[in-house]
PDB file of N, CA and C in Angstrom:
ATOM      1  N   MET A   1     105.878  13.501 -82.968  1.00  0.00           N
ATOM      2  CA  MET A   1     105.643  12.024 -81.742  1.00  0.00           C
ATOM      3  C   MET A   1     105.907  10.818 -82.535  1.00  0.00           C
ATOM      4  N   ALA A   2     107.085   9.791 -82.295  1.00  0.00           N
ATOM      5  CA  ALA A   2     107.115   8.767 -82.584  1.00  0.00           C
ATOM      6  C   ALA A   2     106.382   7.619 -82.190  1.00  0.00           C
ATOM      7  N   HIS A   3     105.572   6.990 -83.327  1.00  0.00           N
ATOM      8  CA  HIS A   3     104.811   5.973 -82.892  1.00  0.00           C
ATOM      9  C   HIS A   3     105.749   4.593 -82.562  1.00  0.00           C
ATOM     10  N   ALA A   4     104.694   3.727 -81.552  1.00  0.00           N
ATOM     11  CA  ALA A   4     105.751   2.539 -81.235  1.00  0.00           C
ATOM     12  C   ALA A   4     105.122   1.278 -82.162  1.00  0.00           C
ATOM     13  N   ALA A   5     106.402   0.505 -82.136  1.00  0.00           N
ATOM     14  CA  ALA A   5     106.241  -0.478 -83.309  1.00  0.00           C
ATOM     15  C   ALA A   5     105.226  -1.040 -83.136  1.00  0.00           C
ATOM     16  N   VAL A   6     104.638  -1.882 -83.950  1.00  0.00           N
ATOM     17  CA  VAL A   6     103.245  -2.520 -83.878  1.00  0.00           C
ATOM     18  C   VAL A   6     104.139  -3.992 -84.138  1.00  0.00           C
ATOM     19  N   LYS A   7     103.560  -4.676 -83.112  1.00  0.00           N
ATOM     20  CA  LYS A   7     104.149  -5.969 -83.015  1.00  0.00           C
ATOM     21  C   LYS A   7     103.418  -7.122 -83.959  1.00  0.00           C
ATOM     22  N   ILE A   8     103.911  -8.250 -84.758  1.00  0.00           N
ATOM     23  CA  ILE A   8     103.101  -8.916 -85.311  1.00  0.00           C
ATOM     24  C   ILE A   8     102.659  -9.703 -84.073  1.00  0.00           C
ATOM     25  N   GLY A   9     101.259 -10.276 -84.223  1.00  0.00           N
ATOM     26  CA  GLY A   9     100.781 -10.788 -83.547  1.00  0.00           C
ATOM     27  C   GLY A   9     100.345 -12.762 -83.505  1.00  0.00           C
ATOM     28  N   PHE A  10     100.892 -12.952 -85.211  1.00  0.00           N
ATOM     29  CA  PHE A  10     100.697 -14.301 -85.390  1.00  0.00           C
ATOM     30  C   PHE A  10     102.486 -14.968 -85.892  1.00  0.00           C
ATOM     31  N   ARG A  11     102.573 -16.128 -85.653  1.00  0.00           N
ATOM     32  CA  ARG A  11     104.072 -16.326 -86.081  1.00  0.00           C
ATOM     33  C   ARG A  11     103.920 -16.719 -87.761  1.00  0.00           C
ATOM     34  N   GLN A  12     105.123 -16.825 -88.768  1.00  0.00           N
ATOM     35  CA  GLN A  12     104.872 -17.143 -89.763  1.00  0.00           C
ATOM     36  C   GLN A  12     105.415 -18.632 -90.125  1.00  0.00           C
ATOM     37  N   GLU A  13     105.248 -19.495 -89.138  1.00  0.00           N
ATOM     38  CA  GLU A  13     105.835 -21.261 -89.527  1.00  0.00           C
ATOM     39  C   GLU A  13     104.675 -21.713 -90.050  1.00  0.00           C
ATOM     40  N   VAL A  14     105.134 -23.063 -91.224  1.00  0.00           N
ATOM     41  CA  VAL A  14     104.083 -23.564 -91.473  1.00  0.00           C
ATOM     42  C   VAL A  14     104.350 -24.903 -90.651  1.00  0.00           C
ATOM     43  N   LEU A  15     102.787 -25.288 -90.568  1.00  0.00           N
ATOM     44  CA  LEU A  15     102.450 -26.577 -90.346  1.00  0.00           C
ATOM     45  C   LEU A  15     101.282 -26.839 -90.970  1.00  0.00           C
ATOM     46  N   GLU A  16     100.834 -28.721 -90.847  1.00  0.00           N
ATOM     47  CA  GLU A  16      99.663 -28.695 -91.205  1.00  0.00           C
ATOM     48  C   GLU A  16      98.928 -28.876 -90.715  1.00  0.00           C
ATOM     49  N   ILE A  17      97.554 -28.713 -90.699  1.00  0.00           N
ATOM     50  CA  ILE A  17      96.797 -29.340 -89.263  1.00  0.00           C
ATOM     51  C   ILE A  17      95.438 -29.867 -89.836  1.00  0.00           C
ATOM     52  N   PRO A  18      94.995 -31.411 -89.195  1.00  0.00           N
ATOM     53  CA  PRO A  18      94.398 -32.266 -89.690  1.00  0.00           C
ATOM     54  C   PRO A  18      92.898 -31.742 -89.620  1.00  0.00           C
ATOM     55  N   ILE A  19      91.674 -31.446 -90.286  1.00  0.00           N
ATOM     56  CA  ILE A  19      90.511 -31.405 -90.121  1.00  0.00           C
ATOM     57  C   ILE A  19      90.060 -31.639 -88.699  1.00  0.00           C
ATOM     58  N   GLU A  20      90.112 -33.115 -88.278  1.00  0.00           N
ATOM     59  CA  GLU A  20      90.022 -33.241 -86.681  1.00  0.00           C
ATOM     60  C   GLU A  20      90.384 -32.441 -85.604  1.00  0.00           C
ATOM     61  N   GLN A  21      91.551 -31.538 -85.411  1.00  0.00           N
ATOM     62  CA  GLN A  21      91.869 -31.227 -84.560  1.00  0.00           C
ATOM     63  C   GLN A  21      91.700 -29.319 -84.646  1.00  0.00           C
ATOM     64  N   LEU A  22      90.854 -28.875 -85.125  1.00  0.00           N
ATOM     65  CA  LEU A  22      90.410 -27.608 -85.792  1.00  0.00           C
ATOM     66  C   LEU A  22      88.715 -27.660 -85.035  1.00  0.00           C
ATOM     67  N   VAL A  23      88.410 -26.706 -83.463  1.00  0.00           N
ATOM     68  CA  VAL A  23      87.410 -26.754 -83.662  1.00  0.00           C
ATOM     69  C   VAL A  23      87.109 -25.519 -83.613  1.00  0.00           C
ATOM     70  N   ALA A  24      85.753 -25.512 -83.850  1.00  0.00           N
ATOM     71  CA  ALA A  24      85.136 -23.968 -84.069  1.00  0.00           C
ATOM     72  C   ALA A  24      84.543 -23.565 -83.324  1.00  0.00           C
ATOM     73  N   LEU A  25      84.841 -22.205 -82.556  1.00  0.00           N
ATOM     74  CA  LEU A  25      84.938 -21.176 -81.428  1.00  0.00           C
ATOM     75  C   LEU A  25      82.703 -20.922 -81.337  1.00  0.00           C
ATOM     76  N   LYS A  26      82.476 -21.099 -82.534  1.00  0.00           N
ATOM     77  CA  LYS A  26      80.879 -21.069 -82.358  1.00  0.00           C
ATOM     78  C   LYS A  26      80.790 -21.868 -83.931  1.00  0.00           C
ATOM     79  N   GLU A  27      79.440 -21.750 -83.409  1.00  0.00           N
ATOM     80  CA  GLU A  27      78.607 -22.756 -84.689  1.00  0.00           C
ATOM     81  C   GLU A  27      78.157 -22.021 -85.710  1.00  0.00           C
ATOM     82  N   THR A  28      77.958 -22.464 -86.773  1.00  0.00           N
ATOM     83  CA  THR A  28      77.351 -22.161 -87.962  1.00  0.00           C
ATOM     84  C   THR A  28      76.003 -22.680 -88.094  1.00  0.00           C
ATOM     85  N   ASN A  29      75.079 -21.947 -88.010  1.00  0.00           N
ATOM     86  CA  ASN A  29      73.548 -22.151 -88.248  1.00  0.00           C
ATOM     87  C   ASN A  29      73.105 -21.708 -89.387  1.00  0.00           C
ATOM     88  N   ALA A  30      71.460 -22.350 -89.671  1.00  0.00           N
ATOM     89  CA  ALA A  30      70.866 -22.501 -90.603  1.00  0.00           C
ATOM     90  C   ALA A  30      70.755 -20.946 -91.274  1.00  0.00           C
ATOM     91  N   ALA A  31      70.589 -20.268 -90.355  1.00  0.00           N
ATOM     92  CA  ALA A  31      70.490 -18.780 -90.881  1.00  0.00           C
ATOM     93  C   ALA A  31      71.532 -18.045 -91.478  1.00  0.00           C
ATOM     94  N   VAL A  32      72.732 -18.647 -91.124  1.00  0.00           N
ATOM     95  CA  VAL A  32      74.101 -18.118 -91.618  1.00  0.00           C
ATOM     96  C   VAL A  32      74.317 -18.870 -93.018  1.00  0.00           C
ATOM     97  N   THR A  33      74.005 -19.524 -92.974  1.00  0.00           N
ATOM     98  CA  THR A  33      73.938 -20.883 -94.245  1.00  0.00           C
ATOM     99  C   THR A  33      72.955 -20.136 -95.376  1.00  0.00           C
ATOM    100  N   GLY A  34      72.561 -19.519 -94.907  1.00  0.00           N
ATOM    101  CA  GLY A  34      71.668 -19.269 -96.305  1.00  0.00           C
ATOM    102  C   GLY A  34      71.470 -17.827 -96.356  1.00  0.00           C
ATOM    103  N   CYS A  35      72.684 -16.843 -96.087  1.00  0.00           N
ATOM    104  CA  CYS A  35      72.828 -15.601 -96.550  1.00  0.00           C
ATOM    105  C   CYS A  35      73.760 -15.606 -97.768  1.00  0.00           C
ATOM    106  N   ARG A  36      74.162 -14.117 -97.974  1.00  0.00           N
ATOM    107  CA  ARG A  36      74.783 -14.014 -99.035  1.00  0.00           C
ATOM    108  C   ARG A  36      76.043 -14.132 -98.852  1.00  0.00           C
ATOM    109  N   LYS A  37      76.465 -14.003 -97.993  1.00  0.00           N
ATOM    110  CA  LYS A  37      77.993 -13.950 -97.301  1.00  0.00           C
ATOM    111  C   LYS A  37      78.450 -15.376 -97.778  1.00  0.00           C
ATOM    112  N   TYR A  38      77.658 -16.272 -97.058  1.00  0.00           N
ATOM    113  CA  TYR A  38      77.864 -17.505 -96.969  1.00  0.00           C
ATOM    114  C   TYR A  38      77.861 -17.896 -98.876  1.00  0.00           C
ATOM    115  N   SER A  39      77.187 -17.470 -99.485  1.00  0.00           N
ATOM    116  CA  SER A  39      77.411 -17.954-100.615  1.00  0.00           C
ATOM    117  C   SER A  39      78.340 -17.533-101.831  1.00  0.00           C
ATOM    118  N   GLN A  40      79.030 -16.227-101.260  1.00  0.00           N
ATOM    119  CA  GLN A  40      79.971 -16.041-101.827  1.00  0.00           C
ATOM    120  C   GLN A  40      81.354 -16.129-101.341  1.00  0.00           C
ATOM    121  N   ILE A  41      81.671 -16.503 -99.988  1.00  0.00           N
ATOM    122  CA  ILE A  41      82.504 -17.245 -99.189  1.00  0.00           C
ATOM    123  C   ILE A  41      82.510 -18.786 -99.745  1.00  0.00           C
ATOM    124  N   LYS A  42      81.964 -19.742-100.014  1.00  0.00           N
ATOM    125  CA  LYS A  42      81.752 -20.574-100.594  1.00  0.00           C
ATOM    126  C   LYS A  42      82.280 -20.880-102.508  1.00  0.00           C
ATOM    127  N   ALA A  43      81.847 -19.662-102.885  1.00  0.00           N
ATOM    128  CA  ALA A  43      82.056 -19.582-104.494  1.00  0.00           C
ATOM    129  C   ALA A  43      83.556 -19.431-104.326  1.00  0.00           C
ATOM    130  N   SER A  44      84.211 -18.008-103.676  1.00  0.00           N
ATOM    131  CA  SER A  44      85.739 -18.171-103.601  1.00  0.00           C
ATOM    132  C   SER A  44      86.201 -19.613-103.413  1.00  0.00           C
ATOM    133  N   LEU A  45      86.001 -20.177-102.195  1.00  0.00           N
ATOM    134  CA  LEU A  45      86.598 -21.484-101.735  1.00  0.00           C
ATOM    135  C   LEU A  45      86.726 -22.225-102.988  1.00  0.00           C
ATOM    136  N   ALA A  46      85.852 -22.589-103.379  1.00  0.00           N
ATOM    137  CA  ALA A  46      85.798 -23.592-104.659  1.00  0.00           C
ATOM    138  C   ALA A  46      86.385 -22.915-105.754  1.00  0.00           C
ATOM    139  N   HIS A  47      86.652 -21.548-106.159  1.00  0.00           N
ATOM    140  CA  HIS A  47      86.987 -20.953-107.040  1.00  0.00           C
ATOM    141  C   HIS A  47      88.320 -20.970-107.186  1.00  0.00           C
ATOM    142  N   ILE A  48      88.996 -20.176-106.127  1.00  0.00           N
ATOM    143  CA  ILE A  48      90.410 -19.487-105.460  1.00  0.00           C
ATOM    144  C   ILE A  48      90.906 -20.388-104.969  1.00  0.00           C
ATOM    145  N   GLY A  49      90.203 -21.074-103.760  1.00  0.00           N
ATOM    146  CA  GLY A  49      90.763 -21.380-102.482  1.00  0.00           C
ATOM    147  C   GLY A  49      90.700 -20.879-101.443  1.00  0.00           C
ATOM    148  N   LEU A  50      91.426 -21.150-100.701  1.00  0.00           N
ATOM    149  CA  LEU A  50      91.499 -20.650 -99.253  1.00  0.00           C
ATOM    150  C   LEU A  50      92.869 -19.074 -99.279  1.00  0.00           C
ATOM    151  N   ILE A  51      92.499 -17.991 -99.239  1.00  0.00           N
ATOM    152  CA  ILE A  51      93.430 -16.783 -99.173  1.00  0.00           C
ATOM    153  C   ILE A  51      93.564 -16.355 -98.126  1.00  0.00           C
ATOM    154  N   GLU A  52      92.808 -16.301 -97.247  1.00  0.00           N
ATOM    155  CA  GLU A  52      93.051 -15.746 -95.864  1.00  0.00           C
ATOM    156  C   GLU A  52      93.140 -16.889 -94.714  1.00  0.00           C
ATOM    157  N   PRO A  53      94.376 -16.953 -94.296  1.00  0.00           N
ATOM    158  CA  PRO A  53      94.293 -18.015 -93.364  1.00  0.00           C
ATOM    159  C   PRO A  53      93.082 -17.809 -91.910  1.00  0.00           C
ATOM    160  N   LEU A  54      93.143 -19.505 -91.546  1.00  0.00           N
ATOM    161  CA  LEU A  54      92.001 -19.410 -90.340  1.00  0.00           C
ATOM    162  C   LEU A  54      93.221 -18.635 -89.410  1.00  0.00           C
ATOM    163  N   ALA A  55      92.533 -18.135 -87.850  1.00  0.00           N
ATOM    164  CA  ALA A  55      93.560 -17.439 -86.616  1.00  0.00           C
ATOM    165  C   ALA A  55      92.904 -19.017 -85.377  1.00  0.00           C
ATOM    166  N   VAL A  56      94.019 -19.170 -85.246  1.00  0.00           N
ATOM    167  CA  VAL A  56      93.586 -20.047 -84.454  1.00  0.00           C
ATOM    168  C   VAL A  56      94.591 -20.134 -83.040  1.00  0.00           C
ATOM    169  N   TYR A  57      93.874 -20.776 -81.847  1.00  0.00           N
ATOM    170  CA  TYR A  57      94.511 -20.514 -80.706  1.00  0.00           C
ATOM    171  C   TYR A  57      94.778 -21.929 -80.024  1.00  0.00           C
ATOM    172  N   PRO A  58      96.216 -22.481 -79.763  1.00  0.00           N
ATOM    173  CA  PRO A  58      96.247 -23.760 -79.193  1.00  0.00           C
ATOM    174  C   PRO A  58      95.275 -24.649 -77.695  1.00  0.00           C
ATOM    175  N   GLN A  59      95.044 -25.444 -78.387  1.00  0.00           N
ATOM    176  CA  GLN A  59      94.299 -25.872 -76.271  1.00  0.00           C
ATOM    177  C   GLN A  59      94.884 -27.173 -76.287  1.00  0.00           C
ATOM    178  N   ALA A  60      94.689 -27.645 -75.206  1.00  0.00           N
ATOM    179  CA  ALA A  60      95.243 -29.211 -74.950  1.00  0.00           C
ATOM    180  C   ALA A  60      95.006 -30.148 -75.811  1.00  0.00           C
ATOM    181  N   LYS A  61      95.885 -31.089 -75.712  1.00  0.00           N
ATOM    182  CA  LYS A  61      96.103 -32.479 -76.464  1.00  0.00           C
ATOM    183  C   LYS A  61      96.069 -32.001 -78.351  1.00  0.00           C
ATOM    184  N   GLY A  62      96.785 -30.761 -78.220  1.00  0.00           N
ATOM    185  CA  GLY A  62      96.669 -31.265 -80.171  1.00  0.00           C
ATOM    186  C   GLY A  62      95.492 -30.292 -81.136  1.00  0.00           C
ATOM    187  N   ILE A  63      94.860 -29.652 -79.728  1.00  0.00           N
ATOM    188  CA  ILE A  63      93.525 -29.273 -80.527  1.00  0.00           C
ATOM    189  C   ILE A  63      93.535 -27.747 -80.775  1.00  0.00           C
ATOM    190  N   TYR A  64      93.472 -26.908 -81.425  1.00  0.00           N
ATOM    191  CA  TYR A  64      92.997 -25.588 -81.738  1.00  0.00           C
ATOM    192  C   TYR A  64      91.548 -25.288 -82.261  1.00  0.00           C
ATOM    193  N   LEU A  65      91.479 -24.253 -81.172  1.00  0.00           N
ATOM    194  CA  LEU A  65      90.294 -23.351 -81.078  1.00  0.00           C
ATOM    195  C   LEU A  65      90.441 -22.157 -82.637  1.00  0.00           C
ATOM    196  N   VAL A  66      89.177 -22.115 -83.317  1.00  0.00           N
ATOM    197  CA  VAL A  66      89.300 -21.574 -84.393  1.00  0.00           C
ATOM    198  C   VAL A  66      88.724 -19.971 -83.885  1.00  0.00           C
ATOM    199  N   ILE A  67      89.414 -18.600 -83.934  1.00  0.00           N
ATOM    200  CA  ILE A  67      89.235 -17.534 -83.457  1.00  0.00           C
ATOM    201  C   ILE A  67      88.792 -16.933 -84.356  1.00  0.00           C
ATOM    202  N   ASN A  68      88.826 -16.946 -85.227  1.00  0.00           N
ATOM    203  CA  ASN A  68      88.701 -15.921 -86.617  1.00  0.00           C
ATOM    204  C   ASN A  68      88.682 -17.178 -87.825  1.00  0.00           C
ATOM    205  N   GLY A  69      87.576 -17.125 -88.422  1.00  0.00           N
ATOM    206  CA  GLY A  69      87.183 -17.933 -89.925  1.00  0.00           C
ATOM    207  C   GLY A  69      86.531 -18.805 -89.730  1.00  0.00           C
ATOM    208  N   ASN A  70      85.297 -18.919 -88.668  1.00  0.00           N
ATOM    209  CA  ASN A  70      84.749 -20.470 -88.549  1.00  0.00           C
ATOM    210  C   ASN A  70      84.095 -20.696 -89.384  1.00  0.00           C
ATOM    211  N   LEU A  71      83.308 -19.188 -90.221  1.00  0.00           N
ATOM    212  CA  LEU A  71      82.130 -19.643 -92.148  1.00  0.00           C
ATOM    213  C   LEU A  71      83.157 -20.521 -92.842  1.00  0.00           C
ATOM    214  N   ARG A  72      84.687 -19.796 -92.644  1.00  0.00           N
ATOM    215  CA  ARG A  72      85.673 -20.733 -93.637  1.00  0.00           C
ATOM    216  C   ARG A  72      85.876 -22.377 -93.291  1.00  0.00           C
ATOM    217  N   LEU A  73      85.922 -22.655 -91.966  1.00  0.00           N
ATOM    218  CA  LEU A  73      85.773 -23.886 -91.273  1.00  0.00           C
ATOM    219  C   LEU A  73      84.916 -24.503 -91.718  1.00  0.00           C
ATOM    220  N   HIS A  74      83.707 -24.245 -91.763  1.00  0.00           N
ATOM    221  CA  HIS A  74      82.225 -24.985 -91.896  1.00  0.00           C
ATOM    222  C   HIS A  74      82.491 -24.836 -93.142  1.00  0.00           C
ATOM    223  N   LEU A  75      82.663 -24.306 -94.041  1.00  0.00           N
ATOM    224  CA  LEU A  75      82.687 -24.076 -95.722  1.00  0.00           C
ATOM    225  C   LEU A  75      83.877 -25.406 -96.436  1.00  0.00           C
ATOM    226  N   LEU A  76      84.924 -25.147 -95.883  1.00  0.00           N
ATOM    227  CA  LEU A  76      86.001 -26.042 -95.958  1.00  0.00           C
ATOM    228  C   LEU A  76      85.698 -27.955 -95.653  1.00  0.00           C
ATOM    229  N   LYS A  77      85.449 -27.879 -94.556  1.00  0.00           N
ATOM    230  CA  LYS A  77      84.777 -29.161 -93.832  1.00  0.00           C
ATOM    231  C   LYS A  77      83.557 -29.974 -94.668  1.00  0.00           C
ATOM    232  N   GLU A  78      82.637 -28.998 -94.994  1.00  0.00           N
ATOM    233  CA  GLU A  78      81.589 -29.312 -95.711  1.00  0.00           C
ATOM    234  C   GLU A  78      82.352 -29.458 -97.667  1.00  0.00           C
ATOM    235  N   MET A  79      83.240 -29.192 -97.262  1.00  0.00           N
ATOM    236  CA  MET A  79      83.678 -29.423 -99.609  1.00  0.00           C
ATOM    237  C   MET A  79      84.800 -30.431 -99.351  1.00  0.00           C
ATOM    238  N   GLY A  80      85.142 -31.033 -97.989  1.00  0.00           N
ATOM    239  CA  GLY A  80      85.871 -32.249 -98.028  1.00  0.00           C
ATOM    240  C   GLY A  80      86.918 -31.744 -97.529  1.00  0.00           C
ATOM    241  N   SER A  81      87.488 -30.981 -97.243  1.00  0.00           N
ATOM    242  CA  SER A  81      89.168 -30.233 -97.229  1.00  0.00           C
ATOM    243  C   SER A  81      89.400 -31.291 -96.142  1.00  0.00           C
ATOM    244  N   PRO A  82      90.481 -32.203 -96.214  1.00  0.00           N
ATOM    245  CA  PRO A  82      91.346 -32.243 -95.072  1.00  0.00           C
ATOM    246  C   PRO A  82      92.427 -31.274 -94.064  1.00  0.00           C
ATOM    247  N   LEU A  83      92.446 -30.552 -94.634  1.00  0.00           N
ATOM    248  CA  LEU A  83      93.601 -29.876 -94.142  1.00  0.00           C
ATOM    249  C   LEU A  83      93.873 -28.228 -94.141  1.00  0.00           C
ATOM    250  N   PHE A  84      93.959 -27.431 -93.185  1.00  0.00           N
ATOM    251  CA  PHE A  84      93.600 -25.990 -93.314  1.00  0.00           C
ATOM    252  C   PHE A  84      94.408 -25.114 -93.540  1.00  0.00           C
ATOM    253  N   ALA A  85      94.512 -23.757 -93.814  1.00  0.00           N
ATOM    254  CA  ALA A  85      95.661 -22.872 -93.051  1.00  0.00           C
ATOM    255  C   ALA A  85      95.037 -22.321 -92.096  1.00  0.00           C
ATOM    256  N   ALA A  86      96.151 -22.434 -91.293  1.00  0.00           N
ATOM    257  CA  ALA A  86      96.026 -21.366 -90.305  1.00  0.00           C
ATOM    258  C   ALA A  86      96.886 -20.737 -89.591  1.00  0.00           C
ATOM    259  N   SER A  87      97.037 -19.582 -88.630  1.00  0.00           N
ATOM    260  CA  SER A  87      97.970 -18.663 -88.162  1.00  0.00           C
ATOM    261  C   SER A  87      97.423 -18.729 -86.582  1.00  0.00           C
ATOM    262  N   SER A  88      98.716 -19.243 -85.474  1.00  0.00           N
ATOM    263  CA  SER A  88      98.418 -19.389 -84.588  1.00  0.00           C
ATOM    264  C   SER A  88      98.936 -17.805 -83.225  1.00  0.00           C
ATOM    265  N   ARG A  89      98.343 -17.699 -82.724  1.00  0.00           N
ATOM    266  CA  ARG A  89      98.876 -16.507 -81.321  1.00  0.00           C
ATOM    267  C   ARG A  89     100.322 -16.976 -81.210  1.00  0.00           C
ATOM    268  N   LEU A  90     101.055 -15.770 -81.094  1.00  0.00           N
ATOM    269  CA  LEU A  90     102.759 -16.146 -80.664  1.00  0.00           C
ATOM    270  C   LEU A  90     102.526 -16.707 -79.143  1.00  0.00           C
ATOM    271  N   THR A  91     101.581 -17.193 -78.474  1.00  0.00           N
ATOM    272  CA  THR A  91     101.785 -17.626 -77.138  1.00  0.00           C
ATOM    273  C   THR A  91     102.172 -19.141 -77.335  1.00  0.00           C
ATOM    274  N   THR A  92     102.588 -19.656 -78.767  1.00  0.00           N
ATOM    275  CA  THR A  92     102.882 -20.918 -78.876  1.00  0.00           C
ATOM    276  C   THR A  92     103.528 -20.882 -80.249  1.00  0.00           C
ATOM    277  N   ARG A  93     103.559 -21.730 -80.519  1.00  0.00           N
ATOM    278  CA  ARG A  93     104.024 -22.392 -82.203  1.00  0.00           C
ATOM    279  C   ARG A  93     103.024 -21.461 -83.126  1.00  0.00           C
ATOM    280  N   ALA A  94     103.335 -21.099 -84.417  1.00  0.00           N
ATOM    281  CA  ALA A  94     101.794 -20.581 -85.239  1.00  0.00           C
ATOM    282  C   ALA A  94     101.856 -21.503 -86.234  1.00  0.00           C
ATOM    283  N   ILE A  95     100.894 -21.296 -87.288  1.00  0.00           N
ATOM    284  CA  ILE A  95     100.368 -22.262 -87.857  1.00  0.00           C
ATOM    285  C   ILE A  95      99.895 -21.775 -89.010  1.00  0.00           C
ATOM    286  N   ARG A  96     100.506 -22.169 -90.222  1.00  0.00           N
ATOM    287  CA  ARG A  96     100.268 -21.525 -91.619  1.00  0.00           C
ATOM    288  C   ARG A  96     100.327 -22.284 -92.673  1.00  0.00           C
ATOM    289  N   ILE A  97      99.048 -23.082 -92.842  1.00  0.00           N
ATOM    290  CA  ILE A  97      98.905 -24.345 -94.048  1.00  0.00           C
ATOM    291  C   ILE A  97      98.101 -23.738 -95.347  1.00  0.00           C
ATOM    292  N   THR A  98      97.981 -25.009 -96.092  1.00  0.00           N
ATOM    293  CA  THR A  98      97.420 -24.794 -97.157  1.00  0.00           C
ATOM    294  C   THR A  98      96.403 -25.522 -97.193  1.00  0.00           C
ATOM    295  N   SER A  99      95.315 -25.305 -97.869  1.00  0.00           N
ATOM    296  CA  SER A  99      94.040 -26.346 -97.871  1.00  0.00           C
ATOM    297  C   SER A  99      94.471 -27.196 -99.116  1.00  0.00           C
ATOM    298  N   GLY A 100      93.695 -28.489 -98.660  1.00  0.00           N
ATOM    299  CA  GLY A 100      94.452 -29.978 -99.459  1.00  0.00           C
ATOM    300  C   GLY A 100      93.637 -29.969-100.461  1.00  0.00           C
TER     301      GLY A 100
END
């Protein structure tokens, strides 16, 4: 039986997205900031940097909704990073940038 080809859901273009243009899909609460996963991701970002890009969906007026990576977004904002790596859905141009 032949398998259907898997389509890429995100483009590979590179853009820089300022922090002001990224909006979290969900807020990070105090319970999350006290968990082990939060500490692990924070340590990884501090020592290695951003490895996996955020997944974003373009909104009106140059705003991007973060659909995957809200915890990384929160931590990078906390750490003062002005830019973020992100991949955008194919419905519009895609984004992949490096953290500053």
